[in-house]
Amino acid sequence: MEMEQKDCSMKVDKLIEKHAWIASEKQLFGRSGTDYDFLSLNPSKAKEELDKLQAEQSGCATQTFQSMINTLVTAVVLKLILLSFVS
């Protein structure tokens, strides 16, 4: 048991070294009303929300890309039309 506790402590120390945000936000862990309120947060619901937002973001990116391609195609077609008048 003591060995497991030392192992866990070492892992926590390594995480704190690797991720600077842990040390700066550590005082919020377990506090009510924060993102680290582990008793009131529902991981399943948070995962559902994350999946929904990622799907939404992906859809927005696809729409933006398609709009950009359409604008580019329009510009190229207009350029070709203008060049045909100049020639």
C-alpha atoms as a PDB file:
ATOM      1  CA  MET A   1       0.000   0.000   0.000  1.00  0.00           C
ATOM      2  CA  GLU A   2       2.773   2.420   0.901  1.00  0.00           C
ATOM      3  CA  MET A   3       4.596   1.562  -2.323  1.00  0.00           C
ATOM      4  CA  GLU A   4       1.441   2.323  -4.353  1.00  0.00           C
ATOM      5  CA  GLN A   5       1.099   5.677  -2.613  1.00  0.00           C
ATOM      6  CA  LYS A   6       4.722   6.588  -3.409  1.00  0.00           C
ATOM      7  CA  ASP A   7       4.206   5.500  -7.017  1.00  0.00           C
ATOM      8  CA  CYS A   8       1.074   7.641  -7.285  1.00  0.00           C
ATOM      9  CA  SER A   9       2.854  10.614  -5.708  1.00  0.00           C
ATOM     10  CA  MET A  10       5.677  10.295  -8.229  1.00  0.00           C
ATOM     11  CA  LYS A  11       3.182  10.179 -11.099  1.00  0.00           C
ATOM     12  CA  VAL A  12       1.437  13.291  -9.797  1.00  0.00           C
ATOM     13  CA  ASP A  13       4.772  15.107  -9.473  1.00  0.00           C
ATOM     14  CA  LYS A  14       5.660  14.186 -13.053  1.00  0.00           C
ATOM     15  CA  LEU A  15       2.288  15.436 -14.292  1.00  0.00           C
ATOM     16  CA  ILE A  16       2.781  18.738 -12.450  1.00  0.00           C
ATOM     17  CA  GLU A  17       6.213  19.127 -14.049  1.00  0.00           C
ATOM     18  CA  LYS A  18       4.912  18.257 -17.504  1.00  0.00           C
ATOM     19  CA  HIS A  19       1.756  20.407 -17.406  1.00  0.00           C
ATOM     20  CA  ALA A  20       2.203  23.896 -15.950  1.00  0.00           C
ATOM     21  CA  TRP A  21      -1.541  24.541 -15.799  1.00  0.00           C
ATOM     22  CA  ILE A  22      -1.942  21.932 -13.031  1.00  0.00           C
ATOM     23  CA  ALA A  23       0.064  23.957 -10.529  1.00  0.00           C
ATOM     24  CA  SER A  24      -1.762  27.177 -11.372  1.00  0.00           C
ATOM     25  CA  GLU A  25      -5.254  25.630 -11.144  1.00  0.00           C
ATOM     26  CA  LYS A  26      -4.617  23.114  -8.360  1.00  0.00           C
ATOM     27  CA  GLN A  27      -6.394  25.265  -5.755  1.00  0.00           C
ATOM     28  CA  LEU A  28      -9.631  24.851  -7.758  1.00  0.00           C
ATOM     29  CA  PHE A  29      -9.608  21.031  -7.713  1.00  0.00           C
ATOM     30  CA  GLY A  30     -12.688  19.711  -5.936  1.00  0.00           C
ATOM     31  CA  ARG A  31     -14.156  23.176  -5.314  1.00  0.00           C
ATOM     32  CA  SER A  32     -17.870  23.592  -5.896  1.00  0.00           C
ATOM     33  CA  GLY A  33     -18.838  25.556  -9.001  1.00  0.00           C
ATOM     34  CA  THR A  34     -15.503  25.133 -10.804  1.00  0.00           C
ATOM     35  CA  ASP A  35     -14.614  22.949 -13.769  1.00  0.00           C
ATOM     36  CA  TYR A  36     -12.863  20.714 -11.255  1.00  0.00           C
ATOM     37  CA  ASP A  37     -15.947  20.061  -9.105  1.00  0.00           C
ATOM     38  CA  PHE A  38     -15.673  16.310  -9.586  1.00  0.00           C
ATOM     39  CA  LEU A  39     -18.678  15.467  -7.415  1.00  0.00           C
ATOM     40  CA  SER A  40     -21.232  17.487  -9.385  1.00  0.00           C
ATOM     41  CA  LEU A  41     -19.868  16.956 -12.902  1.00  0.00           C
ATOM     42  CA  ASN A  42     -21.210  14.097 -15.002  1.00  0.00           C
ATOM     43  CA  PRO A  43     -18.488  12.644 -17.273  1.00  0.00           C
ATOM     44  CA  SER A  44     -21.029  10.902 -19.539  1.00  0.00           C
ATOM     45  CA  LYS A  45     -22.942  14.127 -20.109  1.00  0.00           C
ATOM     46  CA  ALA A  46     -19.700  16.049 -20.675  1.00  0.00           C
ATOM     47  CA  LYS A  47     -18.634  13.457 -23.277  1.00  0.00           C
ATOM     48  CA  GLU A  48     -21.967  13.792 -25.074  1.00  0.00           C
ATOM     49  CA  GLU A  49     -21.595  17.581 -25.112  1.00  0.00           C
ATOM     50  CA  LEU A  50     -18.019  17.277 -26.396  1.00  0.00           C
ATOM     51  CA  ASP A  51     -19.093  14.930 -29.203  1.00  0.00           C
ATOM     52  CA  LYS A  52     -21.935  17.280 -30.158  1.00  0.00           C
ATOM     53  CA  LEU A  53     -19.650  20.321 -30.249  1.00  0.00           C
ATOM     54  CA  GLN A  54     -16.980  18.476 -32.249  1.00  0.00           C
ATOM     55  CA  ALA A  55     -19.572  17.400 -34.827  1.00  0.00           C
ATOM     56  CA  GLU A  56     -20.832  20.981 -35.010  1.00  0.00           C
ATOM     57  CA  GLN A  57     -17.294  22.295 -35.460  1.00  0.00           C
ATOM     58  CA  SER A  58     -16.573  19.739 -38.152  1.00  0.00           C
ATOM     59  CA  GLY A  59     -19.724  20.786 -40.022  1.00  0.00           C
ATOM     60  CA  CYS A  60     -18.715  24.447 -39.810  1.00  0.00           C
ATOM     61  CA  ALA A  61     -15.251  23.673 -41.133  1.00  0.00           C
ATOM     62  CA  THR A  62     -16.738  21.740 -44.068  1.00  0.00           C
ATOM     63  CA  GLN A  63     -19.129  24.587 -44.885  1.00  0.00           C
ATOM     64  CA  THR A  64     -16.333  27.157 -44.677  1.00  0.00           C
ATOM     65  CA  PHE A  65     -14.089  25.069 -46.936  1.00  0.00           C
ATOM     66  CA  GLN A  66     -16.875  24.579 -49.486  1.00  0.00           C
ATOM     67  CA  SER A  67     -17.641  28.304 -49.465  1.00  0.00           C
ATOM     68  CA  MET A  68     -13.958  29.105 -49.989  1.00  0.00           C
ATOM     69  CA  ILE A  69     -13.750  26.672 -52.935  1.00  0.00           C
ATOM     70  CA  ASN A  70     -16.873  28.198 -54.510  1.00  0.00           C
ATOM     71  CA  THR A  71     -15.420  31.707 -54.161  1.00  0.00           C
ATOM     72  CA  LEU A  72     -12.128  30.576 -55.703  1.00  0.00           C
ATOM     73  CA  VAL A  73     -13.877  28.865 -58.621  1.00  0.00           C
ATOM     74  CA  THR A  74     -15.964  31.986 -59.247  1.00  0.00           C
ATOM     75  CA  ALA A  75     -12.843  34.165 -59.247  1.00  0.00           C
ATOM     76  CA  VAL A  76     -11.045  31.863 -61.687  1.00  0.00           C
ATOM     77  CA  VAL A  77     -14.049  31.755 -64.034  1.00  0.00           C
ATOM     78  CA  LEU A  78     -14.361  35.553 -63.967  1.00  0.00           C
ATOM     79  CA  LYS A  79     -10.643  35.911 -64.671  1.00  0.00           C
ATOM     80  CA  LEU A  80     -10.931  33.534 -67.638  1.00  0.00           C
ATOM     81  CA  ILE A  81     -13.910  35.500 -68.994  1.00  0.00           C
ATOM     82  CA  LEU A  82     -12.061  38.787 -68.648  1.00  0.00           C
ATOM     83  CA  LEU A  83      -8.962  37.354 -70.312  1.00  0.00           C
ATOM     84  CA  SER A  84     -11.064  36.101 -73.226  1.00  0.00           C
ATOM     85  CA  PHE A  85     -12.260  39.679 -73.851  1.00  0.00           C
ATOM     86  CA  VAL A  86      -8.718  41.069 -73.747  1.00  0.00           C
ATOM     87  CA  SER A  87      -7.327  38.519 -76.207  1.00  0.00           C
END
